[in-house]
Amino acid sequence: MSPSVEPILRFGSAALMFAGLVLWEWRRPRRRLAFGREGRWFGNLGILAIDIIIVRLAAPIAAVGVALVAAERGWGLLHWFAVPFWPGAFVTVVALDLVIYLQHVVFHRVPWLWRVHRVHHADMDIDVTTGLRFHPIEIMFSLCIKIAAVLVLGPPAVAVVVFEVLLNATSMFNHSNVALPPRLEWLLRWVTVTPRMHEIHHSAERTETDSNFGFNLTWWDRLFGTYREKPAAGDNLIIGLSGFRAAGERTILRLLTQPFRDER
């Protein structure tokens, strides 16, 4: 796959997913937003635009380009062990999902990384745009970690694209404010992270914030003991970080400078 095709596939699929979830949130919201959309969306989508520009300038070929180089030169475990395409593709998606899970845990455990990651958690409501709200420093760290993982694995480039598309889609889905039938939500939770499961991760209670780290597969939370079934407050769950509740904290400038300021 050509590196020039990858951003078109990623951005096109992400735009369709975003539009579908926005419509779903409008038609069937699960919870009433405490702070609304207008001010939050400007900041959340504004920081997304900055992330896209920085990534495209700093690493235009990204992880898929590295996968193509690895394939050309025979780098990585999958090449060394001559793993066939389909098993290799499956291993790639699962292994990269584990890498993102572990990365997420580390960003919560290391204080200076948490200061960067808390920009995501400081959103006072949770909806589809929250799944796109990450500080540029975190985005670049994540990109470097994915590139390192691709070099170690030596995965098919197509599988890397599939993973990236899934990661973007599931991040928007599990942050979205959509209502799912309880039975369907329970069934989906055995495989993929649902909005009701992930909103616990955005709880104002730190013990709940440090749970449900998965973005796509729920297996890692269950395997490593970080899974939480439901919040202590039930439907009265409070979202966000109390030290960043002021309306002024939702501007793009305040989001960009937040890692360098203390929580009030």
C-alpha atoms as a PDB file:
ATOM      1  CA  MET A   1       0.000   0.000   0.000  1.00  0.00           C
ATOM      2  CA  SER A   2       1.282   3.465  -0.885  1.00  0.00           C
ATOM      3  CA  PRO A   3       1.891   5.863   2.045  1.00  0.00           C
ATOM      4  CA  SER A   4      -0.065   8.497   0.103  1.00  0.00           C
ATOM      5  CA  VAL A   5      -3.221   6.356   0.232  1.00  0.00           C
ATOM      6  CA  GLU A   6      -3.065   5.777   3.996  1.00  0.00           C
ATOM      7  CA  PRO A   7      -4.075   9.307   5.151  1.00  0.00           C
ATOM      8  CA  ILE A   8      -6.985   9.344   2.683  1.00  0.00           C
ATOM      9  CA  LEU A   9      -8.315   6.049   4.066  1.00  0.00           C
ATOM     10  CA  ARG A  10      -7.767   7.112   7.663  1.00  0.00           C
ATOM     11  CA  PHE A  11      -9.276  10.581   7.383  1.00  0.00           C
ATOM     12  CA  GLY A  12     -12.131   9.454   5.143  1.00  0.00           C
ATOM     13  CA  SER A  13     -13.189   6.640   7.484  1.00  0.00           C
ATOM     14  CA  ALA A  14     -12.750   8.893  10.538  1.00  0.00           C
ATOM     15  CA  ALA A  15     -14.946  11.600   8.974  1.00  0.00           C
ATOM     16  CA  LEU A  16     -17.702   9.097   8.224  1.00  0.00           C
ATOM     17  CA  MET A  17     -17.505   7.653  11.749  1.00  0.00           C
ATOM     18  CA  PHE A  18     -17.560  11.123  13.285  1.00  0.00           C
ATOM     19  CA  ALA A  19     -20.594  12.182  11.248  1.00  0.00           C
ATOM     20  CA  GLY A  20     -22.477   8.986  12.096  1.00  0.00           C
ATOM     21  CA  LEU A  21     -21.791   9.301  15.823  1.00  0.00           C
ATOM     22  CA  VAL A  22     -22.725  12.999  15.894  1.00  0.00           C
ATOM     23  CA  LEU A  23     -26.076  12.083  14.336  1.00  0.00           C
ATOM     24  CA  TRP A  24     -26.528   9.211  16.809  1.00  0.00           C
ATOM     25  CA  GLU A  25     -25.711  11.489  19.753  1.00  0.00           C
ATOM     26  CA  TRP A  26     -28.258  13.993  18.512  1.00  0.00           C
ATOM     27  CA  ARG A  27     -30.988  11.409  17.994  1.00  0.00           C
ATOM     28  CA  ARG A  28     -30.333   9.131  20.973  1.00  0.00           C
ATOM     29  CA  PRO A  29     -28.034  10.642  23.611  1.00  0.00           C
ATOM     30  CA  ARG A  30     -27.321   8.485  26.655  1.00  0.00           C
ATOM     31  CA  ARG A  31     -26.784  11.301  29.146  1.00  0.00           C
ATOM     32  CA  ARG A  32     -27.454  15.025  29.288  1.00  0.00           C
ATOM     33  CA  LEU A  33     -24.310  17.088  28.747  1.00  0.00           C
ATOM     34  CA  ALA A  34     -23.521  19.282  31.750  1.00  0.00           C
ATOM     35  CA  PHE A  35     -21.444  21.831  29.822  1.00  0.00           C
ATOM     36  CA  GLY A  36     -22.890  21.594  26.313  1.00  0.00           C
ATOM     37  CA  ARG A  37     -21.066  21.467  22.986  1.00  0.00           C
ATOM     38  CA  GLU A  38     -20.267  24.954  21.699  1.00  0.00           C
ATOM     39  CA  GLY A  39     -17.243  25.987  23.782  1.00  0.00           C
ATOM     40  CA  ARG A  40     -15.976  22.431  24.233  1.00  0.00           C
ATOM     41  CA  TRP A  41     -16.164  21.501  20.560  1.00  0.00           C
ATOM     42  CA  PHE A  42     -14.189  24.561  19.463  1.00  0.00           C
ATOM     43  CA  GLY A  43     -11.332  23.613  21.783  1.00  0.00           C
ATOM     44  CA  ASN A  44     -11.514  19.854  21.158  1.00  0.00           C
ATOM     45  CA  LEU A  45     -11.633  20.112  17.361  1.00  0.00           C
ATOM     46  CA  GLY A  46      -9.115  22.953  17.355  1.00  0.00           C
ATOM     47  CA  ILE A  47      -6.506  20.866  19.151  1.00  0.00           C
ATOM     48  CA  LEU A  48      -7.282  17.999  16.756  1.00  0.00           C
ATOM     49  CA  ALA A  49      -6.474  20.268  13.797  1.00  0.00           C
ATOM     50  CA  ILE A  50      -3.153  21.210  15.401  1.00  0.00           C
ATOM     51  CA  ASP A  51      -2.372  17.512  15.998  1.00  0.00           C
ATOM     52  CA  ILE A  52      -3.016  16.676  12.346  1.00  0.00           C
ATOM     53  CA  ILE A  53      -0.778  19.489  11.090  1.00  0.00           C
ATOM     54  CA  ILE A  54       2.078  18.575  13.450  1.00  0.00           C
ATOM     55  CA  VAL A  55       1.955  14.857  12.603  1.00  0.00           C
ATOM     56  CA  ARG A  56       1.836  15.488   8.859  1.00  0.00           C
ATOM     57  CA  LEU A  57       4.824  17.878   9.088  1.00  0.00           C
ATOM     58  CA  ALA A  58       6.894  15.866  11.572  1.00  0.00           C
ATOM     59  CA  ALA A  59       6.255  12.330  10.311  1.00  0.00           C
ATOM     60  CA  PRO A  60       4.523  12.338   6.917  1.00  0.00           C
ATOM     61  CA  ILE A  61       5.008   8.595   6.298  1.00  0.00           C
ATOM     62  CA  ALA A  62       3.979   7.607   9.866  1.00  0.00           C
ATOM     63  CA  ALA A  63       3.714   3.954  10.944  1.00  0.00           C
ATOM     64  CA  VAL A  64       2.508   2.582   7.593  1.00  0.00           C
ATOM     65  CA  GLY A  65       5.547   3.968   5.808  1.00  0.00           C
ATOM     66  CA  VAL A  66       7.810   2.309   8.374  1.00  0.00           C
ATOM     67  CA  ALA A  67       5.945  -0.973   7.794  1.00  0.00           C
ATOM     68  CA  LEU A  68       6.678  -0.705   4.061  1.00  0.00           C
ATOM     69  CA  VAL A  69      10.374  -0.092   4.753  1.00  0.00           C
ATOM     70  CA  ALA A  70      10.437  -3.054   7.173  1.00  0.00           C
ATOM     71  CA  ALA A  71       8.841  -5.291   4.534  1.00  0.00           C
ATOM     72  CA  GLU A  72      11.348  -4.177   1.891  1.00  0.00           C
ATOM     73  CA  ARG A  73      14.319  -4.910   4.151  1.00  0.00           C
ATOM     74  CA  GLY A  74      12.939  -7.958   5.969  1.00  0.00           C
ATOM     75  CA  TRP A  75      12.932  -6.360   9.415  1.00  0.00           C
ATOM     76  CA  GLY A  76      10.795  -7.553  12.321  1.00  0.00           C
ATOM     77  CA  LEU A  77       9.622 -10.749  13.989  1.00  0.00           C
ATOM     78  CA  LEU A  78       6.885 -11.565  11.468  1.00  0.00           C
ATOM     79  CA  HIS A  79       9.408 -11.445   8.619  1.00  0.00           C
ATOM     80  CA  TRP A  80      12.036 -13.435  10.491  1.00  0.00           C
ATOM     81  CA  PHE A  81       9.576 -16.218  11.285  1.00  0.00           C
ATOM     82  CA  ALA A  82       7.984 -16.047   7.797  1.00  0.00           C
ATOM     83  CA  VAL A  83       4.464 -15.686   9.229  1.00  0.00           C
ATOM     84  CA  PRO A  84       1.814 -15.826   6.433  1.00  0.00           C
ATOM     85  CA  PHE A  85      -0.193 -12.714   5.650  1.00  0.00           C
ATOM     86  CA  TRP A  86      -3.517 -13.433   7.396  1.00  0.00           C
ATOM     87  CA  PRO A  87      -2.086 -14.731  10.706  1.00  0.00           C
ATOM     88  CA  GLY A  88       0.425 -11.885  10.565  1.00  0.00           C
ATOM     89  CA  ALA A  89      -2.323  -9.318  10.030  1.00  0.00           C
ATOM     90  CA  PHE A  90      -4.310 -10.673  12.995  1.00  0.00           C
ATOM     91  CA  VAL A  91      -1.229 -10.668  15.233  1.00  0.00           C
ATOM     92  CA  THR A  92      -0.469  -7.107  14.134  1.00  0.00           C
ATOM     93  CA  VAL A  93      -3.868  -5.703  15.085  1.00  0.00           C
ATOM     94  CA  VAL A  94      -3.920  -7.511  18.444  1.00  0.00           C
ATOM     95  CA  ALA A  95      -0.291  -6.728  19.315  1.00  0.00           C
ATOM     96  CA  LEU A  96      -0.577  -3.026  18.449  1.00  0.00           C
ATOM     97  CA  ASP A  97      -3.763  -2.824  20.503  1.00  0.00           C
ATOM     98  CA  LEU A  98      -1.817  -4.251  23.467  1.00  0.00           C
ATOM     99  CA  VAL A  99       0.918  -1.666  22.899  1.00  0.00           C
ATOM    100  CA  ILE A 100      -1.642   1.164  23.030  1.00  0.00           C
ATOM    101  CA  TYR A 101      -3.148  -0.301  26.213  1.00  0.00           C
ATOM    102  CA  LEU A 102       0.284  -0.433  27.892  1.00  0.00           C
ATOM    103  CA  GLN A 103       1.105   3.052  26.676  1.00  0.00           C
ATOM    104  CA  HIS A 104      -2.136   4.313  28.192  1.00  0.00           C
ATOM    105  CA  VAL A 105      -1.320   2.729  31.557  1.00  0.00           C
ATOM    106  CA  VAL A 106       2.162   4.280  31.536  1.00  0.00           C
ATOM    107  CA  PHE A 107       0.713   7.738  30.800  1.00  0.00           C
ATOM    108  CA  HIS A 108      -1.372   7.383  33.955  1.00  0.00           C
ATOM    109  CA  ARG A 109       1.458   6.055  36.127  1.00  0.00           C
ATOM    110  CA  VAL A 110       4.308   8.462  35.246  1.00  0.00           C
ATOM    111  CA  PRO A 111       3.585  11.935  36.710  1.00  0.00           C
ATOM    112  CA  TRP A 112       4.992  14.074  33.888  1.00  0.00           C
ATOM    113  CA  LEU A 113       3.262  11.957  31.256  1.00  0.00           C
ATOM    114  CA  TRP A 114       0.016  12.233  33.204  1.00  0.00           C
ATOM    115  CA  ARG A 115       0.284  16.038  33.003  1.00  0.00           C
ATOM    116  CA  VAL A 116       0.257  15.683  29.208  1.00  0.00           C
ATOM    117  CA  HIS A 117      -2.466  13.035  29.131  1.00  0.00           C
ATOM    118  CA  ARG A 118      -4.756  14.858  31.561  1.00  0.00           C
ATOM    119  CA  VAL A 119      -5.626  17.317  28.756  1.00  0.00           C
ATOM    120  CA  HIS A 120      -7.769  14.459  27.484  1.00  0.00           C
ATOM    121  CA  HIS A 121      -9.293  13.819  30.922  1.00  0.00           C
ATOM    122  CA  ALA A 122      -9.974  17.468  31.707  1.00  0.00           C
ATOM    123  CA  ASP A 123     -12.981  17.541  29.365  1.00  0.00           C
ATOM    124  CA  MET A 124     -15.947  18.193  31.622  1.00  0.00           C
ATOM    125  CA  ASP A 125     -18.330  16.202  29.407  1.00  0.00           C
ATOM    126  CA  ILE A 126     -17.648  13.149  27.305  1.00  0.00           C
ATOM    127  CA  ASP A 127     -18.791  12.836  23.704  1.00  0.00           C
ATOM    128  CA  VAL A 128     -17.385  11.954  20.298  1.00  0.00           C
ATOM    129  CA  THR A 129     -15.033  14.973  20.291  1.00  0.00           C
ATOM    130  CA  THR A 130     -13.423  13.842  23.553  1.00  0.00           C
ATOM    131  CA  GLY A 131     -12.056  10.861  21.642  1.00  0.00           C
ATOM    132  CA  LEU A 132     -10.159  13.306  19.424  1.00  0.00           C
ATOM    133  CA  ARG A 133      -8.837  15.589  22.174  1.00  0.00           C
ATOM    134  CA  PHE A 134      -5.177  14.764  22.848  1.00  0.00           C
ATOM    135  CA  HIS A 135      -2.254  17.103  23.445  1.00  0.00           C
ATOM    136  CA  PRO A 136       0.232  17.245  20.515  1.00  0.00           C
ATOM    137  CA  ILE A 137       3.026  16.016  22.811  1.00  0.00           C
ATOM    138  CA  GLU A 138       1.005  12.872  23.567  1.00  0.00           C
ATOM    139  CA  ILE A 139       0.240  12.364  19.877  1.00  0.00           C
ATOM    140  CA  MET A 140       3.941  12.516  18.989  1.00  0.00           C
ATOM    141  CA  PHE A 141       4.901  10.164  21.831  1.00  0.00           C
ATOM    142  CA  SER A 142       2.230   7.722  20.705  1.00  0.00           C
ATOM    143  CA  LEU A 143       3.450   7.916  17.107  1.00  0.00           C
ATOM    144  CA  CYS A 144       7.024   7.139  18.166  1.00  0.00           C
ATOM    145  CA  ILE A 145       5.840   4.162  20.236  1.00  0.00           C
ATOM    146  CA  LYS A 146       3.800   2.798  17.308  1.00  0.00           C
ATOM    147  CA  ILE A 147       6.728   3.198  14.926  1.00  0.00           C
ATOM    148  CA  ALA A 148       8.989   1.312  17.363  1.00  0.00           C
ATOM    149  CA  ALA A 149       6.391  -1.456  17.677  1.00  0.00           C
ATOM    150  CA  VAL A 150       6.106  -1.706  13.875  1.00  0.00           C
ATOM    151  CA  LEU A 151       9.887  -2.027  13.542  1.00  0.00           C
ATOM    152  CA  VAL A 152       9.923  -4.862  16.100  1.00  0.00           C
ATOM    153  CA  LEU A 153       6.924  -6.664  14.564  1.00  0.00           C
ATOM    154  CA  GLY A 154       7.547  -6.147  10.852  1.00  0.00           C
ATOM    155  CA  PRO A 155       3.785  -6.239  10.116  1.00  0.00           C
ATOM    156  CA  PRO A 156       1.980  -6.045   6.755  1.00  0.00           C
ATOM    157  CA  ALA A 157       1.395  -2.381   5.918  1.00  0.00           C
ATOM    158  CA  VAL A 158      -2.294  -3.090   5.230  1.00  0.00           C
ATOM    159  CA  ALA A 159      -2.683  -4.464   8.771  1.00  0.00           C
ATOM    160  CA  VAL A 160      -1.166  -1.269  10.188  1.00  0.00           C
ATOM    161  CA  VAL A 161      -3.696   0.799   8.235  1.00  0.00           C
ATOM    162  CA  VAL A 162      -6.534  -1.429   9.508  1.00  0.00           C
ATOM    163  CA  PHE A 163      -5.292  -0.948  13.064  1.00  0.00           C
ATOM    164  CA  GLU A 164      -5.094   2.835  12.669  1.00  0.00           C
ATOM    165  CA  VAL A 165      -8.618   2.975  11.237  1.00  0.00           C
ATOM    166  CA  LEU A 166      -9.919   0.798  14.088  1.00  0.00           C
ATOM    167  CA  LEU A 167      -8.112   2.881  16.700  1.00  0.00           C
ATOM    168  CA  ASN A 168      -9.612   6.124  15.405  1.00  0.00           C
ATOM    169  CA  ALA A 169     -13.094   4.620  15.076  1.00  0.00           C
ATOM    170  CA  THR A 170     -13.149   2.932  18.480  1.00  0.00           C
ATOM    171  CA  SER A 171     -11.731   6.014  20.212  1.00  0.00           C
ATOM    172  CA  MET A 172     -14.637   8.068  18.872  1.00  0.00           C
ATOM    173  CA  PHE A 173     -17.172   5.318  19.573  1.00  0.00           C
ATOM    174  CA  ASN A 174     -16.197   4.586  23.163  1.00  0.00           C
ATOM    175  CA  HIS A 175     -16.157   8.294  24.014  1.00  0.00           C
ATOM    176  CA  SER A 176     -19.470   8.991  22.296  1.00  0.00           C
ATOM    177  CA  ASN A 177     -22.614   9.927  24.173  1.00  0.00           C
ATOM    178  CA  VAL A 178     -24.825   7.307  22.517  1.00  0.00           C
ATOM    179  CA  ALA A 179     -27.496   5.050  23.982  1.00  0.00           C
ATOM    180  CA  LEU A 180     -27.085   1.315  23.438  1.00  0.00           C
ATOM    181  CA  PRO A 181     -29.635  -1.327  24.466  1.00  0.00           C
ATOM    182  CA  PRO A 182     -28.362  -2.798  27.777  1.00  0.00           C
ATOM    183  CA  ARG A 183     -28.201  -6.355  26.424  1.00  0.00           C
ATOM    184  CA  LEU A 184     -26.225  -5.274  23.330  1.00  0.00           C
ATOM    185  CA  GLU A 185     -23.895  -3.167  25.462  1.00  0.00           C
ATOM    186  CA  TRP A 186     -23.220  -6.155  27.726  1.00  0.00           C
ATOM    187  CA  LEU A 187     -22.472  -8.427  24.753  1.00  0.00           C
ATOM    188  CA  LEU A 188     -20.205  -5.912  23.002  1.00  0.00           C
ATOM    189  CA  ARG A 189     -18.240  -5.372  26.211  1.00  0.00           C
ATOM    190  CA  TRP A 190     -16.848  -8.904  26.005  1.00  0.00           C
ATOM    191  CA  VAL A 191     -14.885  -7.899  22.906  1.00  0.00           C
ATOM    192  CA  THR A 192     -14.743  -4.136  22.427  1.00  0.00           C
ATOM    193  CA  VAL A 193     -14.814  -1.108  24.706  1.00  0.00           C
ATOM    194  CA  THR A 194     -18.269   0.476  24.934  1.00  0.00           C
ATOM    195  CA  PRO A 195     -19.168   4.083  25.855  1.00  0.00           C
ATOM    196  CA  ARG A 196     -20.651   3.032  29.185  1.00  0.00           C
ATOM    197  CA  MET A 197     -17.496   1.096  30.037  1.00  0.00           C
ATOM    198  CA  HIS A 198     -15.075   3.827  28.983  1.00  0.00           C
ATOM    199  CA  GLU A 199     -16.893   6.690  30.707  1.00  0.00           C
ATOM    200  CA  ILE A 200     -15.773   5.112  34.016  1.00  0.00           C
ATOM    201  CA  HIS A 201     -12.206   5.858  32.890  1.00  0.00           C
ATOM    202  CA  HIS A 202     -13.203   9.552  32.721  1.00  0.00           C
ATOM    203  CA  SER A 203     -14.587   9.611  36.252  1.00  0.00           C
ATOM    204  CA  ALA A 204     -13.590  12.456  38.569  1.00  0.00           C
ATOM    205  CA  GLU A 205     -12.566   9.725  41.056  1.00  0.00           C
ATOM    206  CA  ARG A 206      -8.913   8.832  40.443  1.00  0.00           C
ATOM    207  CA  THR A 207      -9.371   5.187  41.471  1.00  0.00           C
ATOM    208  CA  GLU A 208     -11.927   4.874  38.664  1.00  0.00           C
ATOM    209  CA  THR A 209      -9.835   6.916  36.233  1.00  0.00           C
ATOM    210  CA  ASP A 210      -7.092   4.322  36.690  1.00  0.00           C
ATOM    211  CA  SER A 211      -9.234   1.550  35.219  1.00  0.00           C
ATOM    212  CA  ASN A 212     -10.654   0.508  31.828  1.00  0.00           C
ATOM    213  CA  PHE A 213      -7.592   1.640  29.863  1.00  0.00           C
ATOM    214  CA  GLY A 214      -8.498  -0.176  26.641  1.00  0.00           C
ATOM    215  CA  PHE A 215      -9.461   1.689  23.476  1.00  0.00           C
ATOM    216  CA  ASN A 216     -10.546  -1.208  21.280  1.00  0.00           C
ATOM    217  CA  LEU A 217     -10.286  -4.685  22.831  1.00  0.00           C
ATOM    218  CA  THR A 218     -11.440  -5.251  26.418  1.00  0.00           C
ATOM    219  CA  TRP A 219      -9.215  -8.308  26.829  1.00  0.00           C
ATOM    220  CA  TRP A 220      -6.257  -6.417  28.296  1.00  0.00           C
ATOM    221  CA  ASP A 221      -8.220  -4.792  31.119  1.00  0.00           C
ATOM    222  CA  ARG A 222      -9.666  -8.180  32.052  1.00  0.00           C
ATOM    223  CA  LEU A 223      -6.291  -9.917  31.770  1.00  0.00           C
ATOM    224  CA  PHE A 224      -4.279  -7.367  33.767  1.00  0.00           C
ATOM    225  CA  GLY A 225      -6.911  -6.637  36.423  1.00  0.00           C
ATOM    226  CA  THR A 226      -7.758  -3.065  35.405  1.00  0.00           C
ATOM    227  CA  TYR A 227     -11.349  -3.800  34.369  1.00  0.00           C
ATOM    228  CA  ARG A 228     -14.166  -2.100  36.292  1.00  0.00           C
ATOM    229  CA  GLU A 229     -17.748  -3.142  35.677  1.00  0.00           C
ATOM    230  CA  LYS A 230     -19.514   0.049  36.823  1.00  0.00           C
ATOM    231  CA  PRO A 231     -18.785   3.290  38.696  1.00  0.00           C
ATOM    232  CA  ALA A 232     -19.524   3.670  42.390  1.00  0.00           C
ATOM    233  CA  ALA A 233     -21.874   6.605  41.656  1.00  0.00           C
ATOM    234  CA  GLY A 234     -23.857   4.696  39.002  1.00  0.00           C
ATOM    235  CA  ASP A 235     -25.707   7.051  36.672  1.00  0.00           C
ATOM    236  CA  ASN A 236     -24.599  10.017  38.820  1.00  0.00           C
ATOM    237  CA  LEU A 237     -21.003   9.636  37.645  1.00  0.00           C
ATOM    238  CA  ILE A 238     -19.125  12.957  37.491  1.00  0.00           C
ATOM    239  CA  ILE A 239     -16.853  13.393  34.478  1.00  0.00           C
ATOM    240  CA  GLY A 240     -13.571  15.303  34.282  1.00  0.00           C
ATOM    241  CA  LEU A 241     -10.958  16.885  36.551  1.00  0.00           C
ATOM    242  CA  SER A 242     -12.236  19.303  39.187  1.00  0.00           C
ATOM    243  CA  GLY A 243      -9.212  21.615  38.864  1.00  0.00           C
ATOM    244  CA  PHE A 244     -10.019  22.502  35.246  1.00  0.00           C
ATOM    245  CA  ARG A 245     -13.748  23.223  35.368  1.00  0.00           C
ATOM    246  CA  ALA A 246     -13.511  26.934  34.575  1.00  0.00           C
ATOM    247  CA  ALA A 247     -14.954  27.943  31.195  1.00  0.00           C
ATOM    248  CA  GLY A 248     -11.636  29.560  30.241  1.00  0.00           C
ATOM    249  CA  GLU A 249      -9.919  26.158  30.371  1.00  0.00           C
ATOM    250  CA  ARG A 250     -11.723  25.079  27.186  1.00  0.00           C
ATOM    251  CA  THR A 251      -9.830  27.428  24.844  1.00  0.00           C
ATOM    252  CA  ILE A 252      -7.169  26.035  22.514  1.00  0.00           C
ATOM    253  CA  LEU A 253      -4.405  28.065  24.189  1.00  0.00           C
ATOM    254  CA  ARG A 254      -5.338  26.811  27.673  1.00  0.00           C
ATOM    255  CA  LEU A 255      -5.463  23.218  26.427  1.00  0.00           C
ATOM    256  CA  LEU A 256      -2.006  23.536  24.870  1.00  0.00           C
ATOM    257  CA  THR A 257      -0.484  25.064  28.016  1.00  0.00           C
ATOM    258  CA  GLN A 258      -2.306  22.855  30.515  1.00  0.00           C
ATOM    259  CA  PRO A 259       0.545  20.309  30.991  1.00  0.00           C
ATOM    260  CA  PHE A 260       2.749  23.168  32.190  1.00  0.00           C
ATOM    261  CA  ARG A 261       0.248  24.438  34.781  1.00  0.00           C
ATOM    262  CA  ASP A 262      -0.836  22.920  38.100  1.00  0.00           C
ATOM    263  CA  GLU A 263      -4.386  21.784  38.680  1.00  0.00           C
ATOM    264  CA  ARG A 264      -6.274  24.331  40.760  1.00  0.00           C
END
